[in-house]
Each structure stands twice: as C-alpha cells, then as structure tokens.
N, C-alpha and C. Protein backbone atom coordinates (compact mmCIF):
# COMPACT_ATOMS: atom_id res chain seq x y z
N MET A 1 176.38 -45.16 148.67
CA MET A 1 175.93 -44.88 147.38
C MET A 1 176.32 -44.59 146.31
N LYS A 2 176.31 -45.32 144.91
CA LYS A 2 176.91 -44.52 144.07
C LYS A 2 176.17 -43.24 143.27
N ILE A 3 176.62 -42.53 142.78
CA ILE A 3 175.97 -41.74 141.45
C ILE A 3 176.96 -41.31 140.60
N LEU A 4 176.16 -41.27 139.33
CA LEU A 4 177.18 -41.13 138.26
C LEU A 4 177.25 -39.57 137.96
N VAL A 5 178.18 -38.95 137.31
CA VAL A 5 178.68 -37.85 136.49
C VAL A 5 178.57 -38.00 134.96
N ARG A 6 177.64 -37.42 134.43
CA ARG A 6 178.23 -37.18 132.78
C ARG A 6 179.18 -36.55 132.45
N LEU A 7 180.21 -36.89 131.51
CA LEU A 7 181.75 -36.30 131.20
C LEU A 7 181.30 -35.70 129.87
N ARG A 8 182.26 -34.77 129.06
CA ARG A 8 182.26 -34.12 128.03
C ARG A 8 183.18 -34.59 127.48
N ILE A 9 183.11 -35.04 126.18
CA ILE A 9 184.42 -35.72 125.46
C ILE A 9 184.87 -34.35 124.67
N ASP A 10 186.32 -34.74 124.59
CA ASP A 10 186.96 -33.56 123.76
C ASP A 10 187.46 -34.21 122.69
N SER A 11 187.58 -33.31 121.74
CA SER A 11 188.19 -33.76 120.32
C SER A 11 189.07 -34.86 120.24
N ASP A 12 189.87 -35.07 121.26
CA ASP A 12 190.86 -35.89 121.36
C ASP A 12 190.31 -37.49 122.02
N ASP A 13 189.01 -37.23 122.17
CA ASP A 13 188.09 -38.66 122.68
C ASP A 13 188.53 -38.69 124.04
N TYR A 14 189.08 -37.98 124.71
CA TYR A 14 189.31 -37.40 126.12
C TYR A 14 188.08 -36.85 126.91
N PRO A 15 187.89 -37.51 128.18
CA PRO A 15 188.31 -38.80 128.74
C PRO A 15 187.67 -40.29 127.87
N PRO A 16 188.43 -41.53 128.61
CA PRO A 16 188.26 -42.38 127.87
C PRO A 16 186.74 -43.34 127.99
N VAL A 17 185.81 -42.35 129.30
CA VAL A 17 184.94 -42.90 129.43
C VAL A 17 183.51 -41.72 129.35
N SER A 18 182.43 -42.24 129.26
CA SER A 18 181.36 -41.00 129.09
C SER A 18 180.46 -40.96 130.57
N TYR A 19 180.90 -41.13 131.50
CA TYR A 19 180.33 -41.13 132.76
C TYR A 19 181.68 -41.67 134.05
N GLU A 20 181.36 -40.75 135.39
CA GLU A 20 182.31 -41.19 136.20
C GLU A 20 181.40 -41.86 137.28
N SER A 21 181.59 -42.62 137.74
CA SER A 21 181.00 -43.17 139.13
C SER A 21 181.40 -42.89 140.21
N LEU A 22 180.83 -42.35 141.17
CA LEU A 22 181.60 -41.90 142.62
C LEU A 22 181.13 -42.27 143.75
N TRP A 23 181.45 -42.76 145.09
CA TRP A 23 180.60 -42.70 146.17
C TRP A 23 180.44 -41.36 146.65
N ALA A 24 179.05 -41.42 147.54
CA ALA A 24 178.19 -40.57 147.97
C ALA A 24 177.37 -40.70 148.94
N THR A 25 177.68 -39.72 150.09
CA THR A 25 176.52 -40.25 150.94
C THR A 25 175.07 -39.13 150.91
N LEU A 26 174.11 -39.99 151.31
CA LEU A 26 172.63 -38.87 151.06
C LEU A 26 172.87 -38.11 152.17
N ASN A 27 172.39 -36.85 152.17
CA ASN A 27 172.07 -36.19 153.24
C ASN A 27 170.51 -35.97 152.98
N PRO A 28 170.25 -35.25 154.34
CA PRO A 28 168.66 -34.82 154.84
C PRO A 28 167.82 -34.22 153.72
N ASP A 29 168.30 -33.48 152.76
CA ASP A 29 167.84 -32.85 152.07
C ASP A 29 167.65 -33.41 150.53
N ASP A 30 168.12 -34.49 150.99
CA ASP A 30 168.44 -35.59 149.45
C ASP A 30 169.40 -34.98 148.24
N THR A 31 170.37 -34.25 148.89
CA THR A 31 171.16 -34.08 147.98
C THR A 31 172.63 -35.06 148.56
N CYS A 32 173.71 -35.26 147.80
CA CYS A 32 174.52 -36.35 148.27
C CYS A 32 176.03 -35.77 148.15
N THR A 33 176.72 -35.95 148.92
CA THR A 33 177.95 -35.53 149.45
C THR A 33 179.06 -36.46 148.84
N ILE A 34 180.07 -36.05 148.06
CA ILE A 34 180.83 -36.78 147.29
C ILE A 34 181.95 -37.34 148.04
N ASP A 35 182.03 -38.57 148.35
CA ASP A 35 182.96 -39.70 149.43
C ASP A 35 184.13 -39.87 148.72
N ASN A 36 184.95 -39.56 147.30
CA ASN A 36 185.74 -39.95 146.87
C ASN A 36 186.34 -38.95 145.76
N THR A 37 187.49 -39.09 145.52
CA THR A 37 188.24 -38.19 144.89
C THR A 37 188.11 -38.15 143.27
N PRO A 38 187.40 -37.63 142.53
CA PRO A 38 186.76 -38.01 141.15
C PRO A 38 188.43 -38.32 140.42
N TYR A 39 188.34 -39.08 139.32
CA TYR A 39 189.75 -39.29 138.14
C TYR A 39 189.53 -38.22 137.38
N TYR A 40 187.83 -38.04 136.45
CA TYR A 40 187.98 -37.47 135.62
C TYR A 40 187.23 -36.01 135.51
N VAL A 41 186.32 -35.97 136.94
CA VAL A 41 185.30 -35.00 136.61
C VAL A 41 186.05 -33.29 137.03
N TYR A 42 185.44 -32.65 136.15
CA TYR A 42 186.00 -31.12 136.84
C TYR A 42 185.11 -30.56 137.60
N GLY A 43 185.75 -29.49 138.51
CA GLY A 43 184.87 -28.47 139.46
C GLY A 43 183.83 -29.25 140.21
N LEU A 44 184.57 -30.57 140.56
CA LEU A 44 183.89 -31.36 141.73
C LEU A 44 184.87 -31.58 142.48
N SER A 45 184.74 -31.85 143.89
CA SER A 45 186.00 -32.53 144.81
C SER A 45 185.25 -33.27 146.14
N LYS A 46 186.12 -34.16 146.72
CA LYS A 46 185.77 -34.57 147.46
C LYS A 46 185.05 -34.04 148.52
N GLY A 47 183.92 -33.74 149.11
CA GLY A 47 183.23 -33.04 150.18
C GLY A 47 182.29 -32.12 149.63
N ASP A 48 182.27 -31.86 148.42
CA ASP A 48 181.33 -31.06 147.60
C ASP A 48 179.76 -32.00 148.03
N SER A 49 179.16 -31.15 147.76
CA SER A 49 177.44 -31.72 147.65
C SER A 49 176.92 -31.53 146.63
N VAL A 50 175.86 -32.35 145.86
CA VAL A 50 175.35 -32.09 144.24
C VAL A 50 173.99 -32.60 144.52
N SER A 51 173.18 -31.89 144.05
CA SER A 51 171.78 -32.47 143.89
C SER A 51 172.06 -33.75 142.89
N VAL A 52 170.53 -34.59 142.64
CA VAL A 52 171.04 -35.71 142.02
C VAL A 52 169.14 -35.86 141.11
N LYS A 53 169.38 -36.23 140.15
CA LYS A 53 168.16 -37.13 139.33
C LYS A 53 168.42 -38.39 139.18
N PHE A 54 167.20 -38.71 139.04
CA PHE A 54 166.95 -40.00 138.81
C PHE A 54 166.98 -40.26 137.35
N GLU A 55 167.50 -41.50 136.69
CA GLU A 55 167.12 -41.74 135.00
C GLU A 55 167.60 -43.25 135.06
N ASP A 56 166.43 -43.83 134.49
CA ASP A 56 167.11 -45.69 134.13
C ASP A 56 167.35 -46.02 135.32
N GLY A 57 166.76 -45.62 136.53
CA GLY A 57 167.06 -46.20 138.17
C GLY A 57 168.52 -45.78 138.23
N GLU A 58 169.05 -45.05 138.02
CA GLU A 58 170.50 -44.39 138.32
C GLU A 58 170.64 -43.27 139.01
N ARG A 59 171.21 -42.87 139.86
CA ARG A 59 171.21 -41.58 140.18
C ARG A 59 172.49 -40.60 139.62
N TYR A 60 171.94 -39.61 138.98
CA TYR A 60 172.95 -38.48 138.27
C TYR A 60 173.34 -37.22 138.71
N ALA A 61 174.51 -37.02 139.08
CA ALA A 61 174.93 -35.73 139.77
C ALA A 61 174.06 -34.78 138.52
N ASP A 62 173.35 -33.55 139.52
CA ASP A 62 172.64 -32.50 138.91
C ASP A 62 173.44 -31.01 138.43
N THR A 63 173.44 -30.88 139.92
CA THR A 63 174.23 -29.68 140.34
C THR A 63 174.80 -29.65 141.60
N ILE A 64 176.20 -28.45 141.36
CA ILE A 64 176.46 -28.71 142.73
C ILE A 64 175.98 -27.82 143.91
N THR A 65 175.21 -28.20 144.91
CA THR A 65 174.98 -27.54 146.08
C THR A 65 175.67 -26.86 147.26
N SER A 66 176.49 -27.01 147.27
CA SER A 66 178.01 -26.81 148.27
C SER A 66 178.96 -27.22 148.11
N LYS A 67 180.50 -26.68 148.49
CA LYS A 67 181.37 -26.69 148.54
C LYS A 67 181.95 -27.54 149.82
N GLY A 68 182.59 -28.39 149.67
CA GLY A 68 183.46 -28.77 151.12
C GLY A 68 184.87 -28.44 151.30
N GLY A 69 185.46 -27.30 150.46
CA GLY A 69 186.80 -26.99 150.65
C GLY A 69 188.04 -27.74 150.37
N HIS A 70 187.74 -28.92 149.57
CA HIS A 70 188.78 -29.67 149.21
C HIS A 70 189.12 -29.14 147.91
N SER A 71 190.49 -29.04 147.51
CA SER A 71 190.95 -28.85 145.73
C SER A 71 191.18 -30.31 145.30
N THR A 72 191.42 -30.70 143.89
CA THR A 72 191.68 -31.85 143.45
C THR A 72 192.52 -31.36 142.24
N LEU A 73 193.72 -32.29 142.40
CA LEU A 73 194.73 -32.24 141.24
C LEU A 73 194.76 -33.57 140.43
N ARG A 74 195.07 -33.68 139.09
CA ARG A 74 195.45 -34.98 138.63
C ARG A 74 196.91 -34.60 138.02
N VAL A 75 197.32 -35.90 138.40
CA VAL A 75 198.73 -36.02 138.44
C VAL A 75 199.49 -37.29 137.39
N PHE A 76 199.77 -37.22 136.00
CA PHE A 76 200.45 -37.68 135.18
C PHE A 76 202.01 -38.23 135.52
N SER A 77 202.26 -39.56 136.04
CA SER A 77 203.66 -40.04 136.08
C SER A 77 203.69 -41.29 134.99
N SER A 78 204.64 -40.85 133.98
CA SER A 78 204.80 -42.46 133.47
C SER A 78 205.93 -43.40 134.37
N ASN A 79 206.37 -42.85 135.09
CA ASN A 79 207.52 -44.14 135.94
C ASN A 79 206.64 -44.25 137.39
N GLN A 80 206.86 -45.42 137.19
CA GLN A 80 206.32 -46.25 138.55
C GLN A 80 207.08 -45.47 139.84
N ASP A 81 208.08 -45.56 139.90
CA ASP A 81 208.85 -45.28 140.96
C ASP A 81 208.89 -43.91 141.41
N GLU A 82 208.51 -42.85 140.25
CA GLU A 82 208.36 -41.41 140.45
C GLU A 82 206.91 -41.33 141.05
N SER A 83 205.89 -42.04 140.56
CA SER A 83 204.60 -42.08 141.03
C SER A 83 204.22 -42.06 142.38
N MET A 84 205.44 -43.18 142.85
CA MET A 84 205.21 -43.39 144.36
C MET A 84 206.28 -42.52 145.36
N GLU A 85 207.22 -41.79 144.43
CA GLU A 85 207.82 -40.87 145.32
C GLU A 85 206.61 -39.50 145.57
N ILE A 86 205.90 -39.52 144.48
CA ILE A 86 204.80 -38.25 144.31
C ILE A 86 204.02 -38.67 145.52
N ILE A 87 203.46 -39.78 145.21
CA ILE A 87 202.21 -40.18 146.26
C ILE A 87 202.83 -40.16 147.68
N ASP A 88 203.76 -40.77 147.68
CA ASP A 88 204.23 -40.55 149.28
C ASP A 88 204.42 -39.07 149.98
N PHE A 89 205.39 -37.92 149.10
CA PHE A 89 205.54 -36.82 149.50
C PHE A 89 203.65 -36.13 150.00
N ILE A 90 202.83 -36.52 149.01
CA ILE A 90 201.92 -35.57 149.23
C ILE A 90 200.98 -36.34 150.09
N ARG A 91 200.98 -37.33 150.58
CA ARG A 91 201.01 -37.92 151.88
C ARG A 91 201.23 -37.54 153.01
N LYS A 92 202.38 -37.06 152.99
CA LYS A 92 203.17 -36.71 154.28
C LYS A 92 202.97 -35.30 154.44
N ASN A 93 202.53 -34.79 153.28
CA ASN A 93 202.24 -33.48 153.42
C ASN A 93 200.37 -33.16 153.76
N GLY A 94 199.87 -34.37 154.21
CA GLY A 94 198.17 -34.32 154.21
C GLY A 94 197.18 -34.48 152.99
N GLY A 95 197.97 -34.48 151.95
CA GLY A 95 196.71 -35.07 150.87
C GLY A 95 196.47 -36.44 151.12
N ASN A 96 195.87 -37.00 149.76
CA ASN A 96 195.34 -38.34 149.55
C ASN A 96 195.26 -38.37 147.81
N CYS A 97 195.82 -39.73 147.98
CA CYS A 97 195.87 -40.13 146.02
C CYS A 97 195.26 -41.18 146.11
N SER A 98 194.27 -41.28 144.91
CA SER A 98 193.84 -42.48 144.13
C SER A 98 194.40 -43.03 142.88
N LYS A 99 194.76 -43.85 142.81
CA LYS A 99 195.61 -44.48 141.88
C LYS A 99 195.28 -45.84 141.69
N SER A 100 194.86 -46.26 140.35
CA SER A 100 194.46 -47.61 140.08
C SER A 100 195.99 -48.37 139.14
N HIS A 101 195.73 -49.51 139.56
CA HIS A 101 197.10 -50.14 139.38
C HIS A 101 197.07 -50.10 137.83
N GLY A 102 198.58 -50.03 137.19
CA GLY A 102 198.52 -50.07 135.79
C GLY A 102 198.11 -48.46 134.91
N LEU A 103 197.66 -47.51 135.83
CA LEU A 103 197.30 -46.25 134.99
C LEU A 103 198.49 -45.39 135.33
N SER A 104 198.78 -44.52 134.50
CA SER A 104 199.84 -43.69 134.95
C SER A 104 199.09 -42.35 135.45
N LEU A 105 197.63 -42.03 135.37
CA LEU A 105 197.10 -40.98 135.99
C LEU A 105 196.74 -41.18 137.13
N PHE A 106 196.49 -40.37 138.43
CA PHE A 106 196.35 -40.47 139.70
C PHE A 106 195.64 -39.26 139.93
N SER A 107 194.62 -39.29 140.71
CA SER A 107 193.83 -37.82 141.28
C SER A 107 194.32 -37.60 142.66
N VAL A 108 194.35 -36.64 143.09
CA VAL A 108 195.10 -35.70 144.12
C VAL A 108 194.08 -35.12 144.80
N ASP A 109 193.74 -35.57 146.40
CA ASP A 109 192.77 -34.81 147.16
C ASP A 109 193.36 -34.06 148.26
N ILE A 110 193.20 -32.36 148.16
CA ILE A 110 194.08 -31.82 148.93
C ILE A 110 192.90 -31.25 149.99
N PRO A 111 192.76 -31.63 151.17
CA PRO A 111 191.72 -31.53 152.27
C PRO A 111 192.01 -30.17 152.64
N ALA A 112 190.80 -29.23 152.83
CA ALA A 112 190.56 -27.78 153.28
C ALA A 112 191.62 -27.72 154.37
N LYS A 113 192.00 -28.28 155.38
CA LYS A 113 193.01 -27.81 156.50
C LYS A 113 194.58 -28.43 155.97
N CYS A 114 194.85 -28.86 154.69
CA CYS A 114 196.06 -28.78 154.06
C CYS A 114 196.62 -27.76 153.48
N SER A 115 198.08 -27.44 153.36
CA SER A 115 198.54 -26.84 152.69
C SER A 115 198.57 -27.27 151.10
N PHE A 116 197.67 -26.20 150.52
CA PHE A 116 197.58 -26.25 148.74
C PHE A 116 198.88 -26.30 148.18
N GLU A 117 199.68 -24.79 149.10
CA GLU A 117 200.92 -24.09 148.21
C GLU A 117 202.03 -25.60 148.13
N VAL A 118 202.40 -26.22 149.84
CA VAL A 118 203.10 -26.71 149.74
C VAL A 118 203.30 -28.31 147.96
N ILE A 119 201.73 -28.87 148.33
CA ILE A 119 201.93 -29.66 147.59
C ILE A 119 201.86 -29.10 145.94
N ASP A 120 201.21 -27.76 145.78
CA ASP A 120 201.44 -27.24 144.31
C ASP A 120 202.54 -26.85 144.11
N ASP A 121 203.79 -26.18 144.67
CA ASP A 121 204.78 -26.17 144.57
C ASP A 121 206.01 -27.24 144.19
N TYR A 122 205.55 -28.02 145.08
CA TYR A 122 206.17 -29.45 144.60
C TYR A 122 205.71 -29.98 143.34
N LEU A 123 204.69 -30.02 143.22
CA LEU A 123 204.86 -30.67 141.92
C LEU A 123 204.97 -29.62 140.76
N SER A 124 205.07 -28.48 141.11
CA SER A 124 205.48 -27.33 140.19
C SER A 124 206.67 -27.54 139.45
N ASN A 125 207.64 -28.05 140.46
CA ASN A 125 209.18 -27.93 140.54
C ASN A 125 209.51 -29.00 140.09
N ILE A 126 208.61 -30.47 139.96
CA ILE A 126 208.78 -31.59 139.70
C ILE A 126 208.71 -31.63 137.84
N GLN A 127 207.41 -31.17 137.82
CA GLN A 127 206.88 -31.48 136.48
C GLN A 127 207.90 -30.87 135.33
N ASN A 128 207.48 -32.03 134.23
CA ASN A 128 208.48 -31.63 133.02
C ASN A 128 207.77 -32.11 131.91
N ASP A 129 206.65 -32.09 131.94
CA ASP A 129 205.84 -31.95 130.68
C ASP A 129 205.90 -33.39 129.94
N ASP A 130 206.96 -33.89 129.85
CA ASP A 130 207.29 -35.25 129.16
C ASP A 130 206.80 -36.55 130.53
N THR A 131 207.51 -36.72 131.31
CA THR A 131 207.13 -38.20 132.46
C THR A 131 206.27 -37.46 133.39
N ILE A 132 206.33 -36.40 133.90
CA ILE A 132 205.58 -35.99 134.66
C ILE A 132 204.85 -34.68 134.41
N ALA A 133 203.90 -34.54 134.96
CA ALA A 133 202.61 -33.59 134.59
C ALA A 133 201.64 -33.60 135.36
N PHE A 134 201.18 -32.25 135.75
CA PHE A 134 199.66 -32.24 136.54
C PHE A 134 198.81 -31.26 136.08
N GLU A 135 197.71 -31.11 136.56
CA GLU A 135 196.38 -30.34 136.22
C GLU A 135 195.47 -30.30 137.31
N ASP A 136 194.66 -28.78 137.32
CA ASP A 136 193.93 -28.31 138.11
C ASP A 136 192.70 -29.10 137.72
N ALA A 137 192.07 -30.12 138.62
CA ALA A 137 190.66 -30.38 138.33
C ALA A 137 189.47 -29.26 139.37
N CYS A 138 189.86 -29.20 140.71
CA CYS A 138 188.55 -28.28 140.97
C CYS A 138 189.72 -27.74 142.41
N LEU A 139 189.68 -26.34 142.17
CA LEU A 139 190.32 -25.54 143.10
C LEU A 139 189.58 -24.61 144.00
N GLN A 140 189.42 -24.96 145.45
CA GLN A 140 188.78 -24.50 146.16
C GLN A 140 189.64 -23.67 147.70
N HIS A 141 190.79 -23.83 147.63
CA HIS A 141 191.50 -23.25 148.38
C HIS A 141 191.91 -21.65 148.33
N ALA A 142 192.34 -20.89 149.47
CA ALA A 142 192.40 -19.53 149.31
C ALA A 142 193.98 -19.29 148.70
N ASN A 143 194.20 -18.22 148.24
CA ASN A 143 195.11 -17.59 147.69
C ASN A 143 195.68 -18.35 146.58
N ILE A 144 194.62 -18.91 145.44
CA ILE A 144 195.22 -19.70 144.18
C ILE A 144 194.91 -18.24 143.17
N PRO A 145 195.92 -17.94 142.29
CA PRO A 145 195.75 -17.07 141.17
C PRO A 145 194.90 -16.99 140.42
N GLN A 146 193.95 -16.12 140.32
CA GLN A 146 193.13 -16.02 139.74
C GLN A 146 192.76 -16.52 138.08
N ASP A 147 194.27 -16.50 137.63
CA ASP A 147 193.81 -17.20 136.30
C ASP A 147 193.55 -18.66 136.08
N ARG A 148 194.39 -19.23 137.55
CA ARG A 148 194.28 -20.49 137.29
C ARG A 148 192.78 -20.96 137.81
N LEU A 149 191.72 -20.16 138.72
CA LEU A 149 190.50 -20.27 139.47
C LEU A 149 189.86 -20.33 138.10
N LEU A 150 190.11 -19.29 137.30
CA LEU A 150 189.04 -18.96 136.34
C LEU A 150 189.05 -20.27 135.07
N GLU A 151 190.25 -20.78 134.65
CA GLU A 151 190.30 -21.86 133.92
C GLU A 151 189.73 -22.96 134.38
N CYS A 152 190.12 -23.06 135.75
CA CYS A 152 189.15 -24.31 136.51
C CYS A 152 187.98 -24.62 136.07
N LEU A 153 187.45 -23.22 136.55
CA LEU A 153 185.80 -22.99 136.37
C LEU A 153 185.19 -23.29 134.69
N SER A 154 186.00 -22.78 134.04
CA SER A 154 185.26 -22.67 132.65
C SER A 154 185.36 -24.51 132.29
N LEU A 155 186.15 -25.31 132.98
CA LEU A 155 186.21 -26.82 132.68
C LEU A 155 185.37 -27.49 133.62
N ALA A 156 184.44 -27.07 134.36
CA ALA A 156 183.76 -27.66 135.27
C ALA A 156 182.73 -28.47 134.47
N THR A 157 182.69 -29.84 134.85
CA THR A 157 181.52 -30.54 134.36
C THR A 157 180.23 -30.42 135.23
N LEU A 158 180.09 -29.93 136.17
CA LEU A 158 178.60 -29.28 136.53
C LEU A 158 178.87 -28.03 136.69
N VAL A 159 177.51 -27.51 136.81
CA VAL A 159 177.05 -26.10 137.39
C VAL A 159 176.67 -25.93 138.77
N GLU A 160 177.24 -25.18 139.50
CA GLU A 160 176.50 -24.74 140.96
C GLU A 160 175.22 -23.96 140.57
N THR A 161 174.79 -24.18 141.67
CA THR A 161 173.09 -23.85 142.24
C THR A 161 173.76 -22.31 142.71
N PRO A 162 173.48 -21.06 142.00
CA PRO A 162 174.00 -19.89 142.22
C PRO A 162 173.61 -19.65 143.91
N ALA A 163 172.33 -19.96 144.16
CA ALA A 163 171.55 -19.40 145.23
C ALA A 163 172.24 -20.28 146.45
N LYS A 164 172.71 -21.39 146.33
CA LYS A 164 172.86 -22.31 147.33
C LYS A 164 174.18 -22.55 147.55
N ALA A 165 175.02 -22.57 146.57
CA ALA A 165 176.45 -22.91 146.61
C ALA A 165 177.48 -22.29 147.25
N LYS A 166 177.83 -22.65 148.06
CA LYS A 166 178.76 -21.91 149.08
C LYS A 166 179.96 -22.76 149.78
N LEU A 167 180.84 -22.16 150.24
CA LEU A 167 182.06 -22.80 150.76
C LEU A 167 181.78 -22.74 151.89
N THR A 168 182.12 -24.31 152.70
CA THR A 168 181.59 -24.69 154.41
C THR A 168 183.31 -25.20 154.39
N GLN A 169 184.07 -24.68 154.72
CA GLN A 169 184.99 -24.75 155.19
C GLN A 169 185.38 -24.31 156.92
C-alpha cells in the first residue's frame, strides 16, 4: 500500500514536492512498515514503522512507532558515470540505491547488518561539494558521532512516539 508523508518546504522551496509517497506494509496493530527508501523525508528509513491517519481517503504517516535499524543517506552526483560508480560501490558493500532516470539525486539505504562506516568513509572521501555531495537523512547505526545524530534528528519530518519508539535491530 502507499502512504503519504507531508514535507516541510524550506526557504529555497526545497524539496520540490509537498509530500512523498512511500510503499508500506500494514501491520496487525494498524501501523505501517516502510518498504522503500525515502527520497525527501528526514528521520525515516526503510523498515521503520509509523502510525497513520486517514484524511480525504489517503493514509498519511503520523508518528514513528518503531525503528528498523536502517540508515538513509542522500547523494548528489551531477555526472552519470560517477553516479554509476558510486551506486556500484554501495551495492557491492551491502547497500541499496534508489535513483530515478534523469535526476542527479539518489537515496541510499544502508541495512542494519551493513557497515555504515565503509559507505560513509567512501562518500566522505569522494565528495567535493561541486559535482558530488551527500547528506544524512536518517541515522540508525551504532558509533555515529553525536553531532551528526543531533543534526539529523533536528531535521526529522516525523516525530517518534516516545513510549513506543525503539530500535528493532
């Protein structure tokens, strides 16, 4: 099923859409588990579960009820050949990439059992802020510096349900 996540548009009119549509599976407790990697949502990764509210016949994500342990990064690469090299490296190291044809931006899913450090170090070493850059969208792996975690949390699109949110690695 599809669920919608409302997005905050910043002063630069980014992102270019007001909501993102994500695939999800319905759980017995009526929450939904995210089944693809978000492009624009911050603080939510594949495998996370959310509560939903119905509005105008659509399911909208409301709060995060549990974390699945995946981390999500976003990569900008203006060169198609460089993009393919980056995607190949990420896939060879256990990550997954979602890229739309013609877009310079793609999302990276780093599953819980995959080494975040290997992919993060690689991207850190090749970024040049001109033709290649990356950002943290949702960080759930261990041993990530506190300042990165806090920055990522400050950008979160959805809030966690304090009593329920837990890491389910």
